[in-house]
Amino acid sequence: MARSTDSRRKALRLGHRAEWIVILYLALKGYRILARRYLTKGGEIDVIALRGNVVAFIEVKARSDRDAGLEAISSTKIHRFAQAVDGWLMRNGWASTYTLRCDAVIVVPYRLPYHIEDAFELPLA
């Protein structure tokens, strides 16, 4: 039992570190960070950022390689992500005039983050 708790804590720390790396990377690319770890009852958005007329909802994955990061974004994850996006949009009506996009950023050891714009579409409600 203690072993699974330790591995869970380690994964959580790795995820938080990856989020900070992504936030710094996006800031260098000209994004303004609007929220980090936005939680709703149904899901979570790792990072919400604004650049120009685009609001990007960003899923961050820390993995050993790019493909593993992309594979980790399952249909279940996308469904939960969509619920969180809906919740954020209900509270931030101003964003309805912006282009909305779902991005993914894969963090791989010893490489720059891999930013995939428009990585996936949200299911229609």
Protein backbone atom coordinates (compact mmCIF):
# COMPACT_ATOMS: atom_id res chain seq x y z
CA MET A 1 0.00 0.00 0.00
CA ALA A 2 2.78 2.43 0.92
CA ARG A 3 4.52 1.70 -2.37
CA SER A 4 1.51 2.78 -4.46
CA THR A 5 1.15 5.93 -2.35
CA ASP A 6 4.82 6.77 -2.94
CA SER A 7 4.54 6.25 -6.69
CA ARG A 8 1.37 8.36 -6.77
CA ARG A 9 3.15 11.20 -4.94
CA LYS A 10 6.11 10.95 -7.30
CA ALA A 11 3.81 11.11 -10.35
CA LEU A 12 2.00 14.12 -8.86
CA ARG A 13 5.30 15.95 -8.26
CA LEU A 14 6.42 15.15 -11.80
CA GLY A 15 3.14 16.49 -13.18
CA HIS A 16 3.37 19.71 -11.19
CA ARG A 17 6.97 20.22 -12.31
CA ALA A 18 5.93 19.66 -15.94
CA GLU A 19 3.14 22.24 -15.57
CA TRP A 20 5.63 24.85 -14.33
CA ILE A 21 7.96 24.09 -17.24
CA VAL A 22 5.05 24.51 -19.65
CA ILE A 23 3.95 27.77 -18.03
CA LEU A 24 7.45 29.22 -18.41
CA TYR A 25 7.71 27.93 -21.98
CA LEU A 26 4.35 29.41 -22.97
CA ALA A 27 5.21 32.75 -21.35
CA LEU A 28 8.37 32.87 -23.45
CA LYS A 29 6.20 32.23 -26.52
CA GLY A 30 4.02 35.25 -25.66
CA TYR A 31 1.11 33.57 -23.89
CA ARG A 32 -0.51 35.12 -20.83
CA ILE A 33 -1.44 32.48 -18.29
CA LEU A 34 -5.05 32.84 -17.15
CA ALA A 35 -5.31 29.78 -14.90
CA ARG A 36 -3.40 26.75 -13.73
CA ARG A 37 -5.01 23.50 -12.57
CA TYR A 38 -8.55 24.72 -13.13
CA LEU A 39 -10.78 22.19 -11.37
CA THR A 40 -14.47 21.49 -11.73
CA LYS A 41 -16.60 18.67 -10.42
CA GLY A 42 -16.24 16.86 -13.75
CA GLY A 43 -12.64 17.49 -14.79
CA GLU A 44 -9.47 19.56 -14.83
CA ILE A 45 -7.61 21.84 -17.23
CA ASP A 46 -3.89 21.97 -16.57
CA VAL A 47 -3.27 25.43 -18.06
CA ILE A 48 -5.47 28.08 -19.65
CA ALA A 49 -3.58 30.70 -21.65
CA LEU A 50 -4.32 33.68 -23.86
CA ARG A 51 -2.35 34.89 -26.87
CA GLY A 52 -3.82 37.37 -29.31
CA ASN A 53 -7.40 36.36 -29.98
CA VAL A 54 -6.91 32.72 -28.90
CA VAL A 55 -7.79 31.17 -25.57
CA ALA A 56 -5.93 27.87 -25.33
CA PHE A 57 -7.01 25.11 -22.98
CA ILE A 58 -3.88 23.05 -22.47
CA GLU A 59 -3.39 19.46 -21.39
CA VAL A 60 0.13 18.82 -20.06
CA LYS A 61 1.66 15.35 -20.17
CA ALA A 62 5.09 14.40 -18.79
CA ARG A 63 6.23 11.19 -20.43
CA SER A 64 9.37 9.43 -21.61
CA ASP A 65 8.63 10.25 -25.27
CA ARG A 66 6.19 12.26 -27.41
CA ASP A 67 4.12 9.29 -28.56
CA ALA A 68 3.52 8.13 -24.99
CA GLY A 69 2.36 11.63 -24.11
CA LEU A 70 -0.10 11.74 -26.98
CA GLU A 71 -1.40 8.25 -26.22
CA ALA A 72 -2.11 9.33 -22.64
CA ILE A 73 -4.82 11.73 -23.85
CA SER A 74 -7.68 9.24 -23.91
CA SER A 75 -11.30 9.76 -24.89
CA THR A 76 -12.20 9.66 -21.19
CA LYS A 77 -9.66 12.41 -20.50
CA ILE A 78 -11.04 14.50 -23.37
CA HIS A 79 -14.59 14.09 -22.03
CA ARG A 80 -13.54 15.28 -18.55
CA PHE A 81 -11.50 18.08 -20.11
CA ALA A 82 -14.60 19.18 -22.06
CA GLN A 83 -16.64 19.37 -18.86
CA ALA A 84 -13.99 21.58 -17.29
CA VAL A 85 -13.87 23.81 -20.41
CA ASP A 86 -17.66 24.20 -20.26
CA GLY A 87 -17.42 25.19 -16.61
CA TRP A 88 -14.69 27.73 -17.28
CA LEU A 89 -16.58 29.25 -20.21
CA MET A 90 -19.75 29.63 -18.11
CA ARG A 91 -17.75 31.68 -15.60
CA ASN A 92 -15.82 33.65 -18.23
CA GLY A 93 -18.35 34.84 -20.80
CA TRP A 94 -15.89 37.35 -22.24
CA ALA A 95 -14.05 34.45 -23.88
CA SER A 96 -16.95 33.64 -26.22
CA THR A 97 -15.66 36.27 -28.67
CA TYR A 98 -12.23 34.59 -28.82
CA THR A 99 -11.03 31.61 -30.80
CA LEU A 100 -11.05 28.61 -28.46
CA ARG A 101 -8.49 25.87 -28.90
CA CYS A 102 -7.45 22.67 -27.13
CA ASP A 103 -3.70 22.21 -27.11
CA ALA A 104 -1.41 19.57 -25.68
CA VAL A 105 2.13 20.08 -24.44
CA ILE A 106 4.27 17.01 -23.98
CA VAL A 107 7.21 17.34 -21.61
CA VAL A 108 10.00 14.86 -22.35
CA PRO A 109 13.26 14.73 -20.36
CA TYR A 110 16.13 16.80 -21.77
CA ARG A 111 14.04 18.33 -24.59
CA LEU A 112 12.06 21.48 -25.11
CA PRO A 113 8.35 20.99 -24.50
CA TYR A 114 6.47 19.77 -27.58
CA HIS A 115 3.50 22.13 -28.09
CA ILE A 116 0.73 20.80 -30.30
CA GLU A 117 -1.77 23.49 -31.19
CA ASP A 118 -5.34 22.30 -31.75
CA ALA A 119 -4.31 18.82 -30.59
CA PHE A 120 -7.86 17.57 -30.14
CA GLU A 121 -11.45 18.64 -30.50
CA LEU A 122 -13.95 18.62 -27.71
CA PRO A 123 -17.02 16.44 -28.12
CA LEU A 124 -20.20 18.32 -28.95
CA ALA A 125 -22.52 18.74 -25.98
